[in-house]
Amino acid sequence: MGLRVANAIGEMLPCTAMVIIEAVTIFLTIMASTTMSKFGMSSFIFVVYTNALSFILLIPYSIFFHRRDKTEEPLFTFPLLLRVFFLGLVGVTIAQNLAFAGLSYSSPIVACGAANMIPAFSFILSIILRKIRIDWKSQGSQTRVVGTLISIVGILSMTFYKGPLVNKYSPSFLQLARPQLLVFTSTHENWVLGCFLFAAASFALTIWNTIQAGSSKKHPHVMKITCLYTLFGTIQSAVFALLMEKDLSAWRLKLNFELLVIVLTAIFGSLIRSSIQMWCMRLKGPSYALFFKPVGVPVASTCGCVLFAATFHYGSMLSACICGFGYYTTLWGQLKKDETKKDIKGNVSTSDKKVPLLREQEEEEEDSQV
């Protein structure tokens, strides 16, 4: 009995941890939206400060994380530093600035919907780069095409259809809690632009994933690579922010809500989220963390309905759900295709092992006949 309970806890713990991680991500996104909408903080400056603090935190953490690794792979080589430079450029300077600029024009529900576009964008990018060919007879390819189309429909509907406000058709108990501190939907809203910026950020992250996969193969010290590209991204973002925000007073920080959000975002993004994701992937496999990305949709929808009913729209919630459904469909097609490839390789390797045995038997029969 005790063993069964221990096994059940072992199965539930990674799942619970990933759900909490996605929920905290949404809450921090709402807090970041508040700093930009209510307190007037520039999204470009927010990216610089959060990544600068993340880099400072990652220096000791990366050393501690890889303290037992004795690999002698050189870190400061030109090819690797070039990859790290582009990781910082695409993953931090481009993707994060696009995402937080999009947040300043829309709301966290758009962030959820656009984040679920990454598998669809990855599929489209692979076709453009001719890394894959669509096999219409394959169930995996068919599923990925359908999932990509669903995701595109979801992001388009989110962009051009907001639907009625929740408080017009919701029960009265949903409108009891209306926090005055937090802001869900931007006060200087430009919904179409916000959706476009978030979609562009997701596409940038798709490119970033491709670069990161190659970097991980070349150097096993993942956290040191993360620390380096965070440094490059911080420097690049600082130059970009100085060009966009020429008023130096906008860079001044005070002991208020803005500083709190910067510190929490940096600690969570650089240390907590990555550590828990790697821990879960070691226990459950490399694809485990991917299944929890759409969890942010119900979390953001619940927050929008319960706490921000006066500014939250039913159409946005429905569109985010469509994007989440497209995410799972595309991901399932990818996993199905990977399983098919493994089965084919397994059959080929098995046949290669059997062929020499058959030849030996034939030779023995011929010798016996002679």
Protein backbone atom coordinates (compact mmCIF):
# COMPACT_ATOMS: atom_id res chain seq x y z
CA MET A 1 0.00 0.00 0.00
CA GLY A 2 2.77 2.37 0.95
CA LEU A 3 4.61 1.59 -2.30
CA ARG A 4 1.50 2.39 -4.34
CA VAL A 5 1.08 5.72 -2.56
CA ALA A 6 4.74 6.54 -3.16
CA ASN A 7 4.41 5.66 -6.87
CA ALA A 8 1.24 7.77 -7.15
CA ILE A 9 3.00 10.73 -5.55
CA GLY A 10 5.95 10.20 -7.88
CA GLU A 11 3.61 10.33 -10.87
CA MET A 12 1.64 13.35 -9.67
CA LEU A 13 4.55 15.49 -8.47
CA PRO A 14 6.03 16.39 -11.91
CA CYS A 15 2.55 17.03 -13.31
CA THR A 16 1.62 19.29 -10.39
CA ALA A 17 4.93 21.13 -10.65
CA MET A 18 4.45 21.86 -14.37
CA VAL A 19 0.87 23.08 -13.84
CA ILE A 20 2.07 25.41 -11.07
CA ILE A 21 4.87 26.68 -13.33
CA GLU A 22 2.43 27.60 -16.11
CA ALA A 23 0.03 29.22 -13.61
CA VAL A 24 2.80 31.33 -12.07
CA THR A 25 3.85 32.36 -15.59
CA ILE A 26 0.35 33.74 -16.20
CA PHE A 27 0.28 35.60 -12.88
CA LEU A 28 3.67 37.19 -13.62
CA THR A 29 2.41 38.14 -17.10
CA ILE A 30 -0.57 39.90 -15.51
CA MET A 31 1.79 41.71 -13.15
CA ALA A 32 4.01 42.75 -16.08
CA SER A 33 0.94 44.02 -17.93
CA THR A 34 0.11 46.11 -14.87
CA THR A 35 3.58 47.69 -14.71
CA MET A 36 3.31 48.80 -18.34
CA SER A 37 -0.36 49.85 -18.37
CA LYS A 38 -0.81 51.35 -14.92
CA PHE A 39 2.69 52.43 -13.94
CA GLY A 40 3.83 53.40 -17.44
CA MET A 41 7.02 51.36 -17.57
CA SER A 42 8.54 50.87 -21.01
CA SER A 43 8.44 47.27 -22.24
CA PHE A 44 11.95 47.69 -23.70
CA ILE A 45 13.41 48.79 -20.38
CA PHE A 46 11.56 45.97 -18.61
CA VAL A 47 13.30 43.42 -20.89
CA VAL A 48 16.73 44.95 -20.18
CA TYR A 49 16.36 44.96 -16.39
CA THR A 50 14.89 41.45 -16.13
CA ASN A 51 17.61 39.92 -18.30
CA ALA A 52 20.38 41.87 -16.58
CA LEU A 53 19.26 40.51 -13.21
CA SER A 54 18.81 37.04 -14.74
CA PHE A 55 22.42 37.10 -15.94
CA ILE A 56 23.68 38.04 -12.48
CA LEU A 57 21.71 35.18 -10.94
CA LEU A 58 22.79 32.68 -13.61
CA ILE A 59 26.53 33.18 -13.05
CA PRO A 60 26.72 31.33 -9.68
CA TYR A 61 23.81 29.05 -10.56
CA SER A 62 25.41 27.77 -13.79
CA ILE A 63 28.68 27.05 -11.96
CA PHE A 64 26.82 25.19 -9.22
CA PHE A 65 24.60 23.33 -11.71
CA HIS A 66 27.58 21.97 -13.67
CA ARG A 67 29.92 21.48 -10.72
CA ARG A 68 30.10 17.69 -11.27
CA ASP A 69 30.44 17.81 -15.04
CA LYS A 70 34.05 17.22 -16.05
CA THR A 71 33.71 17.76 -19.77
CA GLU A 72 36.63 19.55 -21.37
CA GLU A 73 34.62 21.03 -24.24
CA PRO A 74 35.88 24.63 -24.80
CA LEU A 75 33.21 27.25 -24.22
CA PHE A 76 34.85 30.32 -25.75
CA THR A 77 35.26 29.22 -29.35
CA PHE A 78 34.24 31.41 -32.27
CA PRO A 79 31.59 29.02 -33.74
CA LEU A 80 29.94 28.51 -30.34
CA LEU A 81 30.08 32.21 -29.42
CA LEU A 82 28.52 33.04 -32.78
CA ARG A 83 25.65 30.67 -32.00
CA VAL A 84 25.29 32.18 -28.53
CA PHE A 85 25.23 35.66 -30.05
CA PHE A 86 22.31 34.68 -32.29
CA LEU A 87 20.59 32.93 -29.38
CA GLY A 88 20.66 36.21 -27.48
CA LEU A 89 19.61 38.18 -30.55
CA VAL A 90 16.66 35.97 -31.50
CA GLY A 91 15.56 34.67 -28.10
CA VAL A 92 15.98 37.82 -26.01
CA THR A 93 16.39 40.93 -28.14
CA ILE A 94 13.81 40.04 -30.78
CA ALA A 95 11.41 37.56 -29.15
CA GLN A 96 11.12 39.13 -25.70
CA ASN A 97 10.91 42.70 -26.96
CA LEU A 98 8.19 41.69 -29.41
CA ALA A 99 6.31 39.76 -26.73
CA PHE A 100 6.34 42.47 -24.06
CA ALA A 101 5.54 45.15 -26.62
CA GLY A 102 2.59 42.99 -27.66
CA LEU A 103 1.57 42.67 -24.02
CA SER A 104 1.59 46.46 -23.67
CA TYR A 105 -1.01 46.63 -26.47
CA SER A 106 -3.21 43.61 -25.61
CA SER A 107 -3.57 41.17 -22.69
CA PRO A 108 -2.15 37.92 -21.22
CA ILE A 109 -4.81 35.82 -23.01
CA VAL A 110 -3.15 36.79 -26.31
CA ALA A 111 0.19 35.68 -24.87
CA CYS A 112 -1.33 32.26 -24.14
CA GLY A 113 -2.84 31.90 -27.60
CA ALA A 114 0.27 33.02 -29.47
CA ALA A 115 2.58 30.79 -27.40
CA ASN A 116 0.58 27.79 -28.60
CA MET A 117 1.47 28.67 -32.19
CA ILE A 118 5.07 27.47 -31.84
CA PRO A 119 4.51 23.84 -33.03
CA ALA A 120 2.60 25.13 -36.07
CA PHE A 121 5.32 27.67 -36.86
CA SER A 122 7.96 24.97 -36.41
CA PHE A 123 6.15 22.77 -38.93
CA ILE A 124 5.83 25.63 -41.43
CA LEU A 125 9.50 26.61 -40.98
CA SER A 126 10.62 23.01 -41.54
CA ILE A 127 8.69 22.92 -44.81
CA ILE A 128 10.15 26.27 -45.94
CA LEU A 129 13.70 25.11 -45.15
CA ARG A 130 12.95 21.75 -46.84
CA LYS A 131 13.86 19.80 -43.74
CA ILE A 132 10.72 17.72 -44.07
CA ARG A 133 8.32 16.70 -46.79
CA ILE A 134 4.62 16.27 -46.25
CA ASP A 135 3.68 12.62 -46.68
CA TRP A 136 -0.07 12.76 -47.27
CA LYS A 137 -0.31 9.02 -46.62
CA SER A 138 1.25 9.36 -43.19
CA GLN A 139 -1.09 9.87 -40.25
CA GLY A 140 1.50 12.00 -38.48
CA SER A 141 1.84 14.42 -41.41
CA GLN A 142 -1.92 14.65 -41.85
CA THR A 143 -2.37 15.43 -38.17
CA ARG A 144 0.31 18.12 -38.21
CA VAL A 145 -1.28 19.81 -41.22
CA VAL A 146 -4.69 19.79 -39.52
CA GLY A 147 -3.20 21.08 -36.25
CA THR A 148 -1.37 23.88 -38.06
CA LEU A 149 -4.57 24.97 -39.82
CA ILE A 150 -6.46 24.94 -36.50
CA SER A 151 -3.73 27.07 -34.88
CA ILE A 152 -3.84 29.60 -37.73
CA VAL A 153 -7.63 29.83 -37.45
CA GLY A 154 -7.25 30.38 -33.70
CA ILE A 155 -4.74 33.23 -33.95
CA LEU A 156 -6.70 34.92 -36.77
CA SER A 157 -9.96 34.74 -34.82
CA MET A 158 -8.19 36.13 -31.74
CA THR A 159 -6.86 39.03 -33.82
CA PHE A 160 -10.11 40.04 -35.50
CA TYR A 161 -12.88 38.82 -33.16
CA LYS A 162 -13.00 39.75 -29.48
CA GLY A 163 -16.64 38.94 -28.79
CA PRO A 164 -18.82 40.34 -26.00
CA LEU A 165 -17.49 41.32 -22.60
CA VAL A 166 -17.73 38.69 -19.90
CA ASN A 167 -19.52 40.95 -17.40
CA LYS A 168 -22.50 41.35 -19.75
CA TYR A 169 -23.44 37.67 -19.68
CA SER A 170 -21.73 36.31 -16.57
CA PRO A 171 -23.40 35.44 -13.24
CA SER A 172 -23.18 38.11 -10.57
CA PHE A 173 -20.80 36.08 -8.38
CA LEU A 174 -18.13 36.31 -11.09
CA GLN A 175 -18.09 40.08 -10.71
CA LEU A 176 -17.52 40.25 -6.96
CA ALA A 177 -13.73 40.47 -7.09
CA ARG A 178 -12.37 43.41 -9.01
CA PRO A 179 -8.80 44.15 -7.97
CA GLN A 180 -7.79 47.77 -8.24
CA LEU A 181 -4.05 47.07 -8.32
CA LEU A 182 -3.75 44.72 -11.31
CA VAL A 183 -4.55 45.35 -14.97
CA PHE A 184 -5.44 42.53 -17.38
CA THR A 185 -6.11 44.34 -20.66
CA SER A 186 -3.86 47.22 -21.69
CA THR A 187 -5.23 50.70 -21.05
CA HIS A 188 -3.71 51.94 -24.35
CA GLU A 189 -5.04 49.02 -26.32
CA ASN A 190 -4.19 48.26 -29.94
CA TRP A 191 -5.47 44.72 -30.17
CA VAL A 192 -4.53 43.86 -33.76
CA LEU A 193 -0.98 45.19 -33.33
CA GLY A 194 -0.61 43.32 -30.03
CA CYS A 195 -1.69 40.03 -31.63
CA PHE A 196 0.68 40.57 -34.55
CA LEU A 197 3.61 41.28 -32.21
CA PHE A 198 2.90 38.18 -30.14
CA ALA A 199 2.67 36.01 -33.26
CA ALA A 200 5.99 37.44 -34.48
CA ALA A 201 7.54 36.69 -31.07
CA SER A 202 6.37 33.06 -31.29
CA PHE A 203 7.88 32.73 -34.76
CA ALA A 204 11.16 34.15 -33.42
CA LEU A 205 11.11 31.58 -30.62
CA THR A 206 10.63 28.85 -33.23
CA ILE A 207 13.86 29.96 -34.91
CA TRP A 208 15.51 30.22 -31.49
CA ASN A 209 14.58 26.60 -30.68
CA THR A 210 16.33 25.46 -33.86
CA ILE A 211 19.52 27.34 -32.98
CA GLN A 212 19.41 26.14 -29.37
CA ALA A 213 19.10 22.50 -30.39
CA GLY A 214 22.32 22.75 -32.40
CA SER A 215 24.11 24.57 -29.55
CA SER A 216 23.14 21.88 -27.02
CA LYS A 217 24.69 19.21 -29.24
CA LYS A 218 27.95 21.16 -29.54
CA HIS A 219 28.28 21.96 -25.83
CA PRO A 220 26.62 19.97 -23.01
CA HIS A 221 26.76 22.75 -20.40
CA VAL A 222 23.23 24.05 -21.00
CA MET A 223 23.10 26.54 -18.13
CA LYS A 224 26.43 28.12 -19.07
CA ILE A 225 25.13 28.60 -22.61
CA THR A 226 21.98 30.13 -21.11
CA CYS A 227 24.08 32.49 -18.99
CA LEU A 228 26.11 33.61 -22.00
CA TYR A 229 23.20 34.22 -24.37
CA THR A 230 21.39 36.12 -21.59
CA LEU A 231 24.43 38.42 -21.38
CA PHE A 232 24.47 38.95 -25.16
CA GLY A 233 20.71 39.51 -25.18
CA THR A 234 20.94 42.02 -22.34
CA ILE A 235 23.60 44.09 -24.11
CA GLN A 236 21.71 44.02 -27.41
CA SER A 237 18.41 44.89 -25.72
CA ALA A 238 20.04 47.76 -23.82
CA VAL A 239 21.32 49.29 -27.07
CA PHE A 240 17.88 48.86 -28.65
CA ALA A 241 16.11 50.32 -25.59
CA LEU A 242 18.38 53.36 -25.57
CA LEU A 243 17.41 54.02 -29.18
CA MET A 244 13.69 53.61 -28.40
CA GLU A 245 13.60 55.35 -25.00
CA LYS A 246 15.73 58.49 -25.12
CA ASP A 247 14.31 59.90 -21.89
CA LEU A 248 16.85 58.82 -19.27
CA SER A 249 14.37 59.38 -16.44
CA ALA A 250 12.39 56.37 -17.72
CA TRP A 251 15.31 54.14 -16.64
CA ARG A 252 15.11 55.22 -13.01
CA LEU A 253 13.83 52.48 -10.68
CA LYS A 254 12.19 52.98 -7.32
CA LEU A 255 11.21 50.63 -4.49
CA ASN A 256 7.73 50.01 -5.84
CA PHE A 257 5.63 47.48 -7.75
CA GLU A 258 7.79 47.76 -10.90
CA LEU A 259 10.94 46.64 -9.09
CA LEU A 260 9.05 43.77 -7.45
CA VAL A 261 7.85 42.46 -10.82
CA ILE A 262 11.33 42.73 -12.35
CA VAL A 263 12.90 40.78 -9.47
CA LEU A 264 10.20 38.08 -9.45
CA THR A 265 10.30 37.68 -13.24
CA ALA A 266 14.09 37.36 -13.28
CA ILE A 267 14.22 34.83 -10.43
CA PHE A 268 11.38 32.74 -11.82
CA GLY A 269 12.50 32.83 -15.46
CA SER A 270 16.20 32.20 -14.94
CA LEU A 271 16.25 29.82 -11.97
CA ILE A 272 12.93 28.29 -10.97
CA ARG A 273 11.22 27.59 -14.29
CA SER A 274 14.26 26.13 -16.06
CA SER A 275 15.25 23.98 -13.06
CA ILE A 276 11.79 22.45 -12.64
CA GLN A 277 11.41 21.83 -16.37
CA MET A 278 14.76 20.03 -16.57
CA TRP A 279 13.91 18.01 -13.47
CA CYS A 280 10.58 16.93 -14.97
CA MET A 281 12.19 16.06 -18.30
CA ARG A 282 14.80 13.90 -16.57
CA LEU A 283 12.03 11.98 -14.84
CA LYS A 284 9.46 11.80 -17.65
CA GLY A 285 11.37 12.30 -20.89
CA PRO A 286 12.33 15.26 -23.10
CA SER A 287 8.80 15.80 -24.46
CA TYR A 288 7.07 15.94 -21.07
CA ALA A 289 7.23 19.72 -20.54
CA LEU A 290 5.72 20.37 -23.98
CA PHE A 291 2.33 18.99 -22.95
CA PHE A 292 1.74 21.73 -20.36
CA LYS A 293 2.07 24.88 -22.47
CA PRO A 294 -1.72 25.14 -23.14
CA VAL A 295 -2.40 24.96 -19.38
CA GLY A 296 -1.97 28.73 -19.35
CA VAL A 297 -5.19 29.14 -21.37
CA PRO A 298 -7.62 27.96 -18.66
CA VAL A 299 -5.60 29.76 -15.99
CA ALA A 300 -5.70 33.07 -17.87
CA SER A 301 -9.37 32.54 -18.78
CA THR A 302 -10.30 31.92 -15.15
CA CYS A 303 -8.45 35.04 -14.03
CA GLY A 304 -10.10 37.06 -16.79
CA CYS A 305 -13.62 35.84 -15.98
CA VAL A 306 -13.38 36.07 -12.20
CA LEU A 307 -11.16 39.10 -11.63
CA PHE A 308 -11.32 41.16 -14.83
CA ALA A 309 -14.81 40.53 -16.22
CA ALA A 310 -15.24 44.18 -17.20
CA THR A 311 -12.33 44.04 -19.71
CA PHE A 312 -12.24 40.34 -20.68
CA HIS A 313 -13.95 39.09 -23.85
CA TYR A 314 -15.51 35.70 -24.60
CA GLY A 315 -14.13 35.71 -28.14
CA SER A 316 -10.54 35.99 -26.90
CA MET A 317 -11.06 33.09 -24.54
CA LEU A 318 -12.56 30.92 -27.29
CA SER A 319 -9.75 31.79 -29.72
CA ALA A 320 -7.09 30.90 -27.15
CA CYS A 321 -8.80 27.52 -26.64
CA ILE A 322 -8.71 26.94 -30.41
CA CYS A 323 -4.98 27.73 -30.43
CA GLY A 324 -4.48 25.27 -27.56
CA PHE A 325 -6.38 22.56 -29.44
CA GLY A 326 -4.23 23.23 -32.52
CA TYR A 327 -1.11 23.01 -30.33
CA TYR A 328 -2.02 19.54 -29.04
CA THR A 329 -3.04 18.33 -32.50
CA THR A 330 0.23 19.46 -34.11
CA LEU A 331 2.28 18.09 -31.21
CA TRP A 332 0.51 14.74 -31.38
CA GLY A 333 1.24 14.54 -35.11
CA GLN A 334 4.93 15.25 -34.46
CA LEU A 335 5.15 12.58 -31.76
CA LYS A 336 3.31 10.13 -34.02
CA LYS A 337 5.82 10.77 -36.80
CA ASP A 338 8.75 10.32 -34.39
CA GLU A 339 7.33 6.96 -33.28
CA THR A 340 6.99 5.87 -36.91
CA LYS A 341 10.62 6.78 -37.59
CA LYS A 342 11.77 4.78 -34.56
CA ASP A 343 9.76 1.77 -35.68
CA ILE A 344 11.26 1.97 -39.18
CA LYS A 345 14.80 2.25 -37.79
CA GLY A 346 14.12 -0.64 -35.44
CA ASN A 347 12.88 -2.85 -38.27
CA VAL A 348 15.88 -1.94 -40.44
CA SER A 349 18.36 -2.71 -37.69
CA THR A 350 16.62 -5.99 -36.94
CA SER A 351 16.69 -7.04 -40.61
CA ASP A 352 20.38 -6.08 -40.82
CA LYS A 353 21.08 -8.41 -37.91
CA LYS A 354 19.09 -11.26 -39.44
CA VAL A 355 20.69 -11.13 -42.89
CA PRO A 356 24.17 -12.35 -41.84
CA LEU A 357 22.56 -15.23 -39.90
CA LEU A 358 20.59 -16.31 -42.97
CA ARG A 359 23.72 -16.17 -45.09
CA GLU A 360 25.60 -18.29 -42.57
CA GLN A 361 22.80 -20.87 -42.63
CA GLU A 362 22.83 -20.95 -46.45
CA GLU A 363 26.60 -21.39 -46.51
CA GLU A 364 26.38 -24.23 -43.97
CA GLU A 365 23.67 -25.95 -46.08
CA GLU A 366 25.83 -25.61 -49.23
CA ASP A 367 28.86 -27.05 -47.40
CA SER A 368 26.80 -29.97 -46.15
CA GLN A 369 25.55 -30.67 -49.67
CA VAL A 370 29.11 -30.64 -51.01
